[in-house]
PDB file of N, CA and C in Angstrom:
ATOM      1  N   ALA A   1       0.821  -1.159   0.089  1.00  0.00           N
ATOM      2  CA  ALA A   1      -0.130   0.080   0.049  1.00  0.00           C
ATOM      3  C   ALA A   1       0.945   1.307  -0.030  1.00  0.00           C
ATOM      4  N   THR A   2       0.442   2.243  -0.624  1.00  0.00           N
ATOM      5  CA  THR A   2       1.112   3.672  -0.813  1.00  0.00           C
ATOM      6  C   THR A   2       0.509   4.780  -0.065  1.00  0.00           C
ATOM      7  N   HIS A   3      -0.781   4.505   0.299  1.00  0.00           N
ATOM      8  CA  HIS A   3      -1.322   5.726   1.014  1.00  0.00           C
ATOM      9  C   HIS A   3      -2.155   5.084   2.073  1.00  0.00           C
ATOM     10  N   LEU A   4      -2.383   5.910   2.989  1.00  0.00           N
ATOM     11  CA  LEU A   4      -3.419   5.546   4.383  1.00  0.00           C
ATOM     12  C   LEU A   4      -4.199   6.691   4.509  1.00  0.00           C
ATOM     13  N   VAL A   5      -5.530   6.526   4.304  1.00  0.00           N
ATOM     14  CA  VAL A   5      -6.620   7.519   4.539  1.00  0.00           C
ATOM     15  C   VAL A   5      -7.084   7.390   6.073  1.00  0.00           C
ATOM     16  N   MET A   6      -7.169   8.355   6.637  1.00  0.00           N
ATOM     17  CA  MET A   6      -7.665   8.241   8.168  1.00  0.00           C
ATOM     18  C   MET A   6      -8.751   9.579   8.484  1.00  0.00           C
ATOM     19  N   VAL A   7      -9.794   9.078   9.188  1.00  0.00           N
ATOM     20  CA  VAL A   7     -10.765  10.270   9.496  1.00  0.00           C
ATOM     21  C   VAL A   7     -10.152  10.820  10.807  1.00  0.00           C
ATOM     22  N   GLU A   8      -9.434  10.017  11.667  1.00  0.00           N
ATOM     23  CA  GLU A   8      -8.829  10.801  12.623  1.00  0.00           C
ATOM     24  C   GLU A   8      -7.533   9.959  13.088  1.00  0.00           C
ATOM     25  N   LEU A   9      -6.689  10.559  13.477  1.00  0.00           N
ATOM     26  CA  LEU A   9      -5.219   9.979  13.803  1.00  0.00           C
ATOM     27  C   LEU A   9      -5.458   8.934  14.973  1.00  0.00           C
ATOM     28  N   LYS A  10      -5.118   7.832  14.730  1.00  0.00           N
ATOM     29  CA  LYS A  10      -5.091   6.769  15.839  1.00  0.00           C
ATOM     30  C   LYS A  10      -3.775   5.981  15.847  1.00  0.00           C
ATOM     31  N   ARG A  11      -3.216   5.723  16.982  1.00  0.00           N
ATOM     32  CA  ARG A  11      -1.880   5.009  17.055  1.00  0.00           C
ATOM     33  C   ARG A  11      -2.118   3.614  16.866  1.00  0.00           C
ATOM     34  N   THR A  12      -2.349   3.259  15.810  1.00  0.00           N
ATOM     35  CA  THR A  12      -2.545   1.705  15.339  1.00  0.00           C
ATOM     36  C   THR A  12      -1.220   1.260  14.680  1.00  0.00           C
ATOM     37  N   GLU A  13      -1.410  -0.171  14.684  1.00  0.00           N
ATOM     38  CA  GLU A  13      -0.013  -0.701  14.032  1.00  0.00           C
ATOM     39  C   GLU A  13       0.075  -0.082  12.543  1.00  0.00           C
ATOM     40  N   LYS A  14      -1.137  -0.173  11.880  1.00  0.00           N
ATOM     41  CA  LYS A  14      -0.963   0.484  10.455  1.00  0.00           C
ATOM     42  C   LYS A  14      -0.366   1.861  10.466  1.00  0.00           C
ATOM     43  N   PHE A  15      -0.868   2.753  11.287  1.00  0.00           N
ATOM     44  CA  PHE A  15      -0.522   4.158  11.178  1.00  0.00           C
ATOM     45  C   PHE A  15       0.897   4.308  11.581  1.00  0.00           C
ATOM     46  N   LEU A  16       1.498   3.568  12.519  1.00  0.00           N
ATOM     47  CA  LEU A  16       2.906   3.648  12.868  1.00  0.00           C
ATOM     48  C   LEU A  16       3.691   2.903  11.857  1.00  0.00           C
ATOM     49  N   SER A  17       3.422   1.869  11.145  1.00  0.00           N
ATOM     50  CA  SER A  17       3.991   1.423  10.035  1.00  0.00           C
ATOM     51  C   SER A  17       4.027   2.400   8.919  1.00  0.00           C
ATOM     52  N   PHE A  18       3.076   3.147   8.440  1.00  0.00           N
ATOM     53  CA  PHE A  18       3.146   3.998   7.537  1.00  0.00           C
ATOM     54  C   PHE A  18       4.172   5.265   7.844  1.00  0.00           C
ATOM     55  N   CYS A  19       3.984   5.610   9.076  1.00  0.00           N
ATOM     56  CA  CYS A  19       4.916   6.597   9.524  1.00  0.00           C
ATOM     57  C   CYS A  19       6.402   6.228   9.370  1.00  0.00           C
ATOM     58  N   ALA A  20       6.764   4.834   9.847  1.00  0.00           N
ATOM     59  CA  ALA A  20       8.035   4.569   9.725  1.00  0.00           C
ATOM     60  C   ALA A  20       8.573   4.228   8.437  1.00  0.00           C
ATOM     61  N   ALA A  21       7.670   3.946   7.514  1.00  0.00           N
ATOM     62  CA  ALA A  21       8.027   3.665   6.135  1.00  0.00           C
ATOM     63  C   ALA A  21       8.105   5.029   5.274  1.00  0.00           C
ATOM     64  N   GLY A  22       7.548   6.185   5.845  1.00  0.00           N
ATOM     65  CA  GLY A  22       7.499   7.298   5.154  1.00  0.00           C
ATOM     66  C   GLY A  22       6.557   7.429   4.096  1.00  0.00           C
ATOM     67  N   LYS A  23       5.414   6.774   4.238  1.00  0.00           N
ATOM     68  CA  LYS A  23       4.296   6.703   3.246  1.00  0.00           C
ATOM     69  C   LYS A  23       3.309   7.818   3.533  1.00  0.00           C
ATOM     70  N   TRP A  24       2.518   8.277   2.505  1.00  0.00           N
ATOM     71  CA  TRP A  24       1.521   9.126   2.527  1.00  0.00           C
ATOM     72  C   TRP A  24       0.355   8.656   3.618  1.00  0.00           C
ATOM     73  N   ILE A  25      -0.028   9.619   4.707  1.00  0.00           N
ATOM     74  CA  ILE A  25      -1.048   9.476   5.456  1.00  0.00           C
ATOM     75  C   ILE A  25      -1.912  10.745   5.354  1.00  0.00           C
ATOM     76  N   LEU A  26      -3.225  10.431   4.869  1.00  0.00           N
ATOM     77  CA  LEU A  26      -3.953  11.637   4.348  1.00  0.00           C
ATOM     78  C   LEU A  26      -5.492  11.645   5.002  1.00  0.00           C
ATOM     79  N   ILE A  27      -6.023  12.893   5.142  1.00  0.00           N
ATOM     80  CA  ILE A  27      -7.160  13.127   5.584  1.00  0.00           C
ATOM     81  C   ILE A  27      -8.349  12.500   4.881  1.00  0.00           C
ATOM     82  N   ALA A  28      -9.239  12.141   5.309  1.00  0.00           N
ATOM     83  CA  ALA A  28     -10.618  11.550   4.557  1.00  0.00           C
ATOM     84  C   ALA A  28     -11.036  12.366   3.467  1.00  0.00           C
ATOM     85  N   GLN A  29     -10.971  13.744   3.658  1.00  0.00           N
ATOM     86  CA  GLN A  29     -11.341  14.606   2.555  1.00  0.00           C
ATOM     87  C   GLN A  29     -10.802  14.317   1.251  1.00  0.00           C
ATOM     88  N   TYR A  30      -9.418  13.901   1.323  1.00  0.00           N
ATOM     89  CA  TYR A  30      -8.769  13.536   0.019  1.00  0.00           C
ATOM     90  C   TYR A  30      -9.829  12.551  -0.844  1.00  0.00           C
ATOM     91  N   VAL A  31     -10.285  11.680  -0.394  1.00  0.00           N
ATOM     92  CA  VAL A  31     -11.012  10.605  -1.083  1.00  0.00           C
ATOM     93  C   VAL A  31     -12.241  11.316  -1.633  1.00  0.00           C
ATOM     94  N   TRP A  32     -13.030  11.949  -0.957  1.00  0.00           N
ATOM     95  CA  TRP A  32     -14.189  12.871  -1.498  1.00  0.00           C
ATOM     96  C   TRP A  32     -13.962  13.770  -2.535  1.00  0.00           C
ATOM     97  N   ASP A  33     -12.786  14.403  -2.209  1.00  0.00           N
ATOM     98  CA  ASP A  33     -12.453  15.477  -3.278  1.00  0.00           C
ATOM     99  C   ASP A  33     -12.006  14.939  -4.570  1.00  0.00           C
ATOM    100  N   CYS A  34     -11.404  13.769  -4.428  1.00  0.00           N
ATOM    101  CA  CYS A  34     -10.729  12.947  -5.657  1.00  0.00           C
ATOM    102  C   CYS A  34     -12.002  12.415  -6.399  1.00  0.00           C
ATOM    103  N   GLU A  35     -12.808  11.856  -5.802  1.00  0.00           N
ATOM    104  CA  GLU A  35     -14.334  11.407  -6.281  1.00  0.00           C
ATOM    105  C   GLU A  35     -14.938  12.508  -7.017  1.00  0.00           C
ATOM    106  N   ARG A  36     -15.239  13.728  -6.378  1.00  0.00           N
ATOM    107  CA  ARG A  36     -15.799  14.918  -6.967  1.00  0.00           C
ATOM    108  C   ARG A  36     -15.084  15.313  -8.074  1.00  0.00           C
ATOM    109  N   ALA A  37     -13.671  15.321  -8.168  1.00  0.00           N
ATOM    110  CA  ALA A  37     -12.832  15.853  -9.253  1.00  0.00           C
ATOM    111  C   ALA A  37     -12.786  14.797 -10.343  1.00  0.00           C
ATOM    112  N   GLN A  38     -13.088  13.419  -9.960  1.00  0.00           N
ATOM    113  CA  GLN A  38     -12.940  12.373 -11.020  1.00  0.00           C
ATOM    114  C   GLN A  38     -11.538  11.952 -11.293  1.00  0.00           C
ATOM    115  N   LYS A  39     -10.542  12.461 -10.444  1.00  0.00           N
ATOM    116  CA  LYS A  39      -9.143  12.136 -10.788  1.00  0.00           C
ATOM    117  C   LYS A  39      -8.471  12.172  -9.425  1.00  0.00           C
ATOM    118  N   LEU A  40      -7.240  11.697  -9.523  1.00  0.00           N
ATOM    119  CA  LEU A  40      -6.465  11.654  -8.314  1.00  0.00           C
ATOM    120  C   LEU A  40      -5.743  13.156  -8.068  1.00  0.00           C
ATOM    121  N   LEU A  41      -6.022  13.661  -6.896  1.00  0.00           N
ATOM    122  CA  LEU A  41      -5.354  15.229  -6.689  1.00  0.00           C
ATOM    123  C   LEU A  41      -4.188  14.917  -5.993  1.00  0.00           C
ATOM    124  N   PRO A  42      -3.267  16.079  -6.047  1.00  0.00           N
ATOM    125  CA  PRO A  42      -2.016  16.042  -5.314  1.00  0.00           C
ATOM    126  C   PRO A  42      -2.299  15.764  -3.942  1.00  0.00           C
ATOM    127  N   GLU A  43      -1.551  14.855  -3.500  1.00  0.00           N
ATOM    128  CA  GLU A  43      -1.700  14.433  -1.960  1.00  0.00           C
ATOM    129  C   GLU A  43      -1.189  15.545  -0.815  1.00  0.00           C
ATOM    130  N   LYS A  44      -0.212  16.341  -1.296  1.00  0.00           N
ATOM    131  CA  LYS A  44       0.320  17.355  -0.249  1.00  0.00           C
ATOM    132  C   LYS A  44      -0.654  18.245   0.347  1.00  0.00           C
ATOM    133  N   ASP A  45      -1.758  18.478  -0.209  1.00  0.00           N
ATOM    134  CA  ASP A  45      -2.862  19.622   0.390  1.00  0.00           C
ATOM    135  C   ASP A  45      -3.732  18.528   1.416  1.00  0.00           C
ATOM    136  N   TYR A  46      -3.640  17.482   1.434  1.00  0.00           N
ATOM    137  CA  TYR A  46      -4.500  16.458   2.158  1.00  0.00           C
ATOM    138  C   TYR A  46      -3.703  15.637   3.397  1.00  0.00           C
ATOM    139  N   GLU A  47      -2.361  16.054   3.390  1.00  0.00           N
ATOM    140  CA  GLU A  47      -1.519  15.179   4.470  1.00  0.00           C
ATOM    141  C   GLU A  47      -2.009  15.732   5.821  1.00  0.00           C
ATOM    142  N   TRP A  48      -1.924  14.843   6.819  1.00  0.00           N
ATOM    143  CA  TRP A  48      -2.086  15.218   8.148  1.00  0.00           C
ATOM    144  C   TRP A  48      -0.934  16.320   8.577  1.00  0.00           C
ATOM    145  N   ARG A  49      -1.296  17.396   9.066  1.00  0.00           N
ATOM    146  CA  ARG A  49      -0.357  18.407   9.450  1.00  0.00           C
ATOM    147  C   ARG A  49      -0.823  19.017  10.734  1.00  0.00           C
ATOM    148  N   GLY A  50       0.022  19.756  11.297  1.00  0.00           N
ATOM    149  CA  GLY A  50      -0.245  20.432  12.563  1.00  0.00           C
ATOM    150  C   GLY A  50       0.656  20.268  13.626  1.00  0.00           C
ATOM    151  N   SER A  51       0.861  21.241  14.414  1.00  0.00           N
ATOM    152  CA  SER A  51       1.818  21.329  15.500  1.00  0.00           C
ATOM    153  C   SER A  51       1.336  20.785  16.749  1.00  0.00           C
ATOM    154  N   GLU A  52       0.062  20.591  16.789  1.00  0.00           N
ATOM    155  CA  GLU A  52      -0.611  20.396  18.178  1.00  0.00           C
ATOM    156  C   GLU A  52      -0.303  18.823  18.302  1.00  0.00           C
ATOM    157  N   ILE A  53      -0.618  18.336  19.573  1.00  0.00           N
ATOM    158  CA  ILE A  53      -0.545  17.017  20.107  1.00  0.00           C
ATOM    159  C   ILE A  53      -1.845  16.572  20.248  1.00  0.00           C
ATOM    160  N   HIS A  54      -2.427  15.357  19.620  1.00  0.00           N
ATOM    161  CA  HIS A  54      -3.736  14.885  20.002  1.00  0.00           C
ATOM    162  C   HIS A  54      -3.656  14.309  21.273  1.00  0.00           C
ATOM    163  N   GLU A  55      -5.062  14.493  22.084  1.00  0.00           N
ATOM    164  CA  GLU A  55      -5.008  13.924  23.364  1.00  0.00           C
ATOM    165  C   GLU A  55      -4.584  12.455  23.569  1.00  0.00           C
ATOM    166  N   LYS A  56      -4.353  11.779  22.494  1.00  0.00           N
ATOM    167  CA  LYS A  56      -3.833  10.266  22.691  1.00  0.00           C
ATOM    168  C   LYS A  56      -2.421  10.195  22.546  1.00  0.00           C
ATOM    169  N   ARG A  57      -1.764  11.524  22.392  1.00  0.00           N
ATOM    170  CA  ARG A  57      -0.343  11.635  22.457  1.00  0.00           C
ATOM    171  C   ARG A  57       0.123  11.286  20.981  1.00  0.00           C
ATOM    172  N   ILE A  58      -0.526  11.933  19.896  1.00  0.00           N
ATOM    173  CA  ILE A  58      -0.007  11.699  18.705  1.00  0.00           C
ATOM    174  C   ILE A  58       0.402  13.139  18.222  1.00  0.00           C
ATOM    175  N   TRP A  59       1.567  13.271  17.751  1.00  0.00           N
ATOM    176  CA  TRP A  59       1.784  14.639  17.008  1.00  0.00           C
ATOM    177  C   TRP A  59       1.276  14.494  15.675  1.00  0.00           C
ATOM    178  N   PHE A  60       0.439  15.670  15.406  1.00  0.00           N
ATOM    179  CA  PHE A  60      -0.126  15.726  13.952  1.00  0.00           C
ATOM    180  C   PHE A  60       0.610  15.934  12.841  1.00  0.00           C
ATOM    181  N   ASP A  61       2.098  16.407  13.047  1.00  0.00           N
ATOM    182  CA  ASP A  61       3.001  16.476  12.167  1.00  0.00           C
ATOM    183  C   ASP A  61       3.927  15.215  11.831  1.00  0.00           C
ATOM    184  N   ALA A  62       3.612  14.312  12.692  1.00  0.00           N
ATOM    185  CA  ALA A  62       4.358  12.871  12.376  1.00  0.00           C
ATOM    186  C   ALA A  62       4.427  12.428  11.021  1.00  0.00           C
ATOM    187  N   PRO A  63       3.277  12.297  10.403  1.00  0.00           N
ATOM    188  CA  PRO A  63       3.192  11.582   9.088  1.00  0.00           C
ATOM    189  C   PRO A  63       3.957  12.426   7.993  1.00  0.00           C
ATOM    190  N   PHE A  64       3.940  13.874   8.207  1.00  0.00           N
ATOM    191  CA  PHE A  64       4.652  14.810   7.163  1.00  0.00           C
ATOM    192  C   PHE A  64       6.176  14.516   7.588  1.00  0.00           C
ATOM    193  N   PHE A  65       6.479  14.581   8.953  1.00  0.00           N
ATOM    194  CA  PHE A  65       7.873  14.565   9.114  1.00  0.00           C
ATOM    195  C   PHE A  65       8.483  13.371   8.746  1.00  0.00           C
ATOM    196  N   HIS A  66       8.062  12.097   8.922  1.00  0.00           N
ATOM    197  CA  HIS A  66       8.590  10.969   8.522  1.00  0.00           C
ATOM    198  C   HIS A  66       8.501  10.674   7.014  1.00  0.00           C
ATOM    199  N   ARG A  67       7.420  11.236   6.429  1.00  0.00           N
ATOM    200  CA  ARG A  67       7.516  11.159   4.698  1.00  0.00           C
ATOM    201  C   ARG A  67       8.651  11.848   4.293  1.00  0.00           C
ATOM    202  N   HIS A  68       8.781  13.300   4.724  1.00  0.00           N
ATOM    203  CA  HIS A  68       9.877  13.954   4.261  1.00  0.00           C
ATOM    204  C   HIS A  68      11.388  13.495   4.368  1.00  0.00           C
ATOM    205  N   ARG A  69      11.230  12.990   5.503  1.00  0.00           N
ATOM    206  CA  ARG A  69      12.697  12.141   5.893  1.00  0.00           C
ATOM    207  C   ARG A  69      12.733  11.160   4.934  1.00  0.00           C
ATOM    208  N   ALA A  70      11.966  10.416   4.607  1.00  0.00           N
ATOM    209  CA  ALA A  70      12.096   9.174   3.725  1.00  0.00           C
ATOM    210  C   ALA A  70      12.546   9.875   2.221  1.00  0.00           C
ATOM    211  N   PHE A  71      11.698  10.804   1.886  1.00  0.00           N
ATOM    212  CA  PHE A  71      11.819  11.294   0.573  1.00  0.00           C
ATOM    213  C   PHE A  71      13.153  12.073   0.373  1.00  0.00           C
ATOM    214  N   TYR A  72      13.518  12.955   1.350  1.00  0.00           N
ATOM    215  CA  TYR A  72      14.674  13.812   1.109  1.00  0.00           C
ATOM    216  C   TYR A  72      15.896  13.153   1.464  1.00  0.00           C
ATOM    217  N   PHE A  73      15.986  12.217   2.304  1.00  0.00           N
ATOM    218  CA  PHE A  73      17.141  11.385   2.775  1.00  0.00           C
ATOM    219  C   PHE A  73      17.074   9.996   2.250  1.00  0.00           C
ATOM    220  N   GLY A  74      16.255   9.510   1.782  1.00  0.00           N
ATOM    221  CA  GLY A  74      16.117   8.364   1.071  1.00  0.00           C
ATOM    222  C   GLY A  74      16.311   7.180   2.104  1.00  0.00           C
ATOM    223  N   GLN A  75      15.773   7.301   3.244  1.00  0.00           N
ATOM    224  CA  GLN A  75      15.857   6.313   4.173  1.00  0.00           C
ATOM    225  C   GLN A  75      14.693   6.233   5.054  1.00  0.00           C
ATOM    226  N   ARG A  76      14.214   5.094   5.519  1.00  0.00           N
ATOM    227  CA  ARG A  76      13.343   4.856   6.258  1.00  0.00           C
ATOM    228  C   ARG A  76      13.552   5.263   7.797  1.00  0.00           C
ATOM    229  N   GLN A  77      12.500   5.381   8.724  1.00  0.00           N
ATOM    230  CA  GLN A  77      12.926   5.672  10.051  1.00  0.00           C
ATOM    231  C   GLN A  77      13.859   4.810  10.750  1.00  0.00           C
ATOM    232  N   PHE A  78      13.725   3.611  10.502  1.00  0.00           N
ATOM    233  CA  PHE A  78      14.740   2.717  11.430  1.00  0.00           C
ATOM    234  C   PHE A  78      15.804   1.957  10.423  1.00  0.00           C
ATOM    235  N   ALA A  79      16.038   2.471   9.332  1.00  0.00           N
ATOM    236  CA  ALA A  79      16.899   1.879   8.254  1.00  0.00           C
ATOM    237  C   ALA A  79      18.369   1.766   8.977  1.00  0.00           C
ATOM    238  N   GLY A  80      19.037   0.714   8.741  1.00  0.00           N
ATOM    239  CA  GLY A  80      20.233   0.430   9.206  1.00  0.00           C
ATOM    240  C   GLY A  80      20.457  -0.081  10.671  1.00  0.00           C
ATOM    241  N   MET A  81      19.147  -0.174  11.395  1.00  0.00           N
ATOM    242  CA  MET A  81      19.098  -0.765  12.716  1.00  0.00           C
ATOM    243  C   MET A  81      18.780  -2.111  12.809  1.00  0.00           C
ATOM    244  N   THR A  82      19.387  -2.772  13.788  1.00  0.00           N
ATOM    245  CA  THR A  82      18.913  -4.135  14.121  1.00  0.00           C
ATOM    246  C   THR A  82      18.444  -4.116  15.565  1.00  0.00           C
ATOM    247  N   VAL A  83      17.268  -4.802  15.675  1.00  0.00           N
ATOM    248  CA  VAL A  83      16.723  -4.785  17.106  1.00  0.00           C
ATOM    249  C   VAL A  83      16.403  -6.376  17.546  1.00  0.00           C
ATOM    250  N   TYR A  84      16.455  -6.559  18.779  1.00  0.00           N
ATOM    251  CA  TYR A  84      16.271  -7.794  19.302  1.00  0.00           C
ATOM    252  C   TYR A  84      15.087  -7.633  20.293  1.00  0.00           C
ATOM    253  N   LEU A  85      14.071  -8.396  20.003  1.00  0.00           N
ATOM    254  CA  LEU A  85      12.949  -8.287  20.859  1.00  0.00           C
ATOM    255  C   LEU A  85      12.625  -9.628  21.790  1.00  0.00           C
ATOM    256  N   LEU A  86      12.562  -9.301  22.983  1.00  0.00           N
ATOM    257  CA  LEU A  86      12.375 -10.435  23.962  1.00  0.00           C
ATOM    258  C   LEU A  86      10.955 -10.127  24.539  1.00  0.00           C
ATOM    259  N   VAL A  87       9.997 -10.732  23.716  1.00  0.00           N
ATOM    260  CA  VAL A  87       8.581 -10.526  24.090  1.00  0.00           C
ATOM    261  C   VAL A  87       7.823 -11.497  23.716  1.00  0.00           C
ATOM    262  N   SER A  88       6.582 -11.555  24.037  1.00  0.00           N
ATOM    263  CA  SER A  88       5.816 -12.694  23.551  1.00  0.00           C
ATOM    264  C   SER A  88       5.477 -12.645  22.085  1.00  0.00           C
ATOM    265  N   GLU A  89       5.246 -13.739  21.530  1.00  0.00           N
ATOM    266  CA  GLU A  89       4.962 -13.896  19.952  1.00  0.00           C
ATOM    267  C   GLU A  89       3.943 -12.830  19.588  1.00  0.00           C
ATOM    268  N   LYS A  90       2.757 -12.709  20.416  1.00  0.00           N
ATOM    269  CA  LYS A  90       1.743 -11.722  20.130  1.00  0.00           C
ATOM    270  C   LYS A  90       2.022 -10.236  19.981  1.00  0.00           C
ATOM    271  N   ILE A  91       2.915  -9.868  20.928  1.00  0.00           N
ATOM    272  CA  ILE A  91       3.557  -8.695  21.040  1.00  0.00           C
ATOM    273  C   ILE A  91       4.395  -8.385  19.956  1.00  0.00           C
ATOM    274  N   ALA A  92       5.334  -9.326  19.712  1.00  0.00           N
ATOM    275  CA  ALA A  92       6.416  -9.275  18.782  1.00  0.00           C
ATOM    276  C   ALA A  92       6.025  -9.189  17.296  1.00  0.00           C
ATOM    277  N   THR A  93       4.662  -9.672  17.048  1.00  0.00           N
ATOM    278  CA  THR A  93       4.170  -9.529  15.756  1.00  0.00           C
ATOM    279  C   THR A  93       4.001  -7.841  15.321  1.00  0.00           C
ATOM    280  N   VAL A  94       3.199  -7.336  16.186  1.00  0.00           N
ATOM    281  CA  VAL A  94       3.085  -5.935  15.998  1.00  0.00           C
ATOM    282  C   VAL A  94       4.336  -4.994  15.985  1.00  0.00           C
ATOM    283  N   HIS A  95       5.162  -5.253  16.897  1.00  0.00           N
ATOM    284  CA  HIS A  95       6.364  -4.465  16.883  1.00  0.00           C
ATOM    285  C   HIS A  95       7.347  -4.882  15.769  1.00  0.00           C
ATOM    286  N   ARG A  96       7.206  -5.987  15.318  1.00  0.00           N
ATOM    287  CA  ARG A  96       8.124  -6.349  14.076  1.00  0.00           C
ATOM    288  C   ARG A  96       7.510  -5.682  12.832  1.00  0.00           C
ATOM    289  N   SER A  97       6.116  -5.682  12.763  1.00  0.00           N
ATOM    290  CA  SER A  97       5.610  -5.171  11.619  1.00  0.00           C
ATOM    291  C   SER A  97       6.009  -3.602  11.481  1.00  0.00           C
ATOM    292  N   VAL A  98       5.949  -2.980  12.488  1.00  0.00           N
ATOM    293  CA  VAL A  98       6.323  -1.370  12.543  1.00  0.00           C
ATOM    294  C   VAL A  98       7.650  -1.243  12.341  1.00  0.00           C
ATOM    295  N   LEU A  99       8.608  -1.826  12.978  1.00  0.00           N
ATOM    296  CA  LEU A  99      10.035  -1.893  12.842  1.00  0.00           C
ATOM    297  C   LEU A  99      10.481  -2.148  11.427  1.00  0.00           C
ATOM    298  N   GLU A 100      10.079  -3.295  10.993  1.00  0.00           N
ATOM    299  CA  GLU A 100      10.498  -3.692   9.488  1.00  0.00           C
ATOM    300  C   GLU A 100       9.874  -2.759   8.518  1.00  0.00           C
ATOM    301  N   ALA A 101       8.761  -2.154   8.683  1.00  0.00           N
ATOM    302  CA  ALA A 101       8.232  -1.059   7.915  1.00  0.00           C
ATOM    303  C   ALA A 101       9.117   0.049   7.761  1.00  0.00           C
ATOM    304  N   GLY A 102       9.887   0.389   8.876  1.00  0.00           N
ATOM    305  CA  GLY A 102      10.741   1.470   8.900  1.00  0.00           C
ATOM    306  C   GLY A 102      12.139   1.068   8.532  1.00  0.00           C
ATOM    307  N   GLY A 103      12.430  -0.245   7.865  1.00  0.00           N
ATOM    308  CA  GLY A 103      13.662  -0.616   7.511  1.00  0.00           C
ATOM    309  C   GLY A 103      14.557  -1.265   8.423  1.00  0.00           C
ATOM    310  N   CYS A 104      14.008  -1.753   9.652  1.00  0.00           N
ATOM    311  CA  CYS A 104      14.864  -2.339  10.676  1.00  0.00           C
ATOM    312  C   CYS A 104      15.116  -3.723  10.426  1.00  0.00           C
ATOM    313  N   ILE A 105      16.145  -4.443  10.878  1.00  0.00           N
ATOM    314  CA  ILE A 105      16.137  -5.702  10.735  1.00  0.00           C
ATOM    315  C   ILE A 105      15.726  -6.321  12.226  1.00  0.00           C
ATOM    316  N   VAL A 106      14.745  -7.153  12.452  1.00  0.00           N
ATOM    317  CA  VAL A 106      14.196  -7.604  13.643  1.00  0.00           C
ATOM    318  C   VAL A 106      14.376  -9.069  13.903  1.00  0.00           C
ATOM    319  N   HIS A 107      14.901  -9.465  15.247  1.00  0.00           N
ATOM    320  CA  HIS A 107      15.138 -10.734  15.699  1.00  0.00           C
ATOM    321  C   HIS A 107      14.299 -10.966  16.852  1.00  0.00           C
ATOM    322  N   ILE A 108      13.514 -12.085  16.972  1.00  0.00           N
ATOM    323  CA  ILE A 108      12.630 -12.306  18.045  1.00  0.00           C
ATOM    324  C   ILE A 108      13.378 -13.402  18.962  1.00  0.00           C
ATOM    325  N   ILE A 109      13.584 -13.138  20.174  1.00  0.00           N
ATOM    326  CA  ILE A 109      14.055 -14.090  21.087  1.00  0.00           C
ATOM    327  C   ILE A 109      13.208 -14.589  21.872  1.00  0.00           C
ATOM    328  N   GLN A 110      12.775 -16.000  21.945  1.00  0.00           N
ATOM    329  CA  GLN A 110      11.743 -16.609  22.807  1.00  0.00           C
ATOM    330  C   GLN A 110      12.278 -16.698  24.254  1.00  0.00           C
ATOM    331  N   ALA A 111      11.255 -16.087  25.031  1.00  0.00           N
ATOM    332  CA  ALA A 111      11.848 -16.134  26.448  1.00  0.00           C
ATOM    333  C   ALA A 111      11.575 -17.667  27.113  1.00  0.00           C
ATOM    334  N   GLU A 112      12.583 -18.144  27.733  1.00  0.00           N
ATOM    335  CA  GLU A 112      12.493 -19.442  28.350  1.00  0.00           C
ATOM    336  C   GLU A 112      11.422 -19.356  29.407  1.00  0.00           C
ATOM    337  N   ARG A 113      10.772 -20.332  29.692  1.00  0.00           N
ATOM    338  CA  ARG A 113       9.530 -20.396  30.559  1.00  0.00           C
ATOM    339  C   ARG A 113      10.004 -21.234  31.694  1.00  0.00           C
TER     340      ARG A 113
END
């Protein structure tokens, strides 16, 4: 996927993965305006932006910041990093998804019981 459209910002696995990968995260109005125009419109006018922080501790400018970093510096958020996770498989799946989207190499270490 290349674009994520959100009605409101939520700190989900998908949102974090798109930020880490530097992909477009757009407001829902983009879909409606494209449909009205019957063509794809430039994304830059519909990207989540803002200096404030959502009550759920999400910085509105995060999608823009991470996408610009990926575009101008040619690397994703966690490029070149290697991470070892010592967590349950259920938790590891979510963390792995976000970290790998950002270019990280992830190793899961199974805890002994």
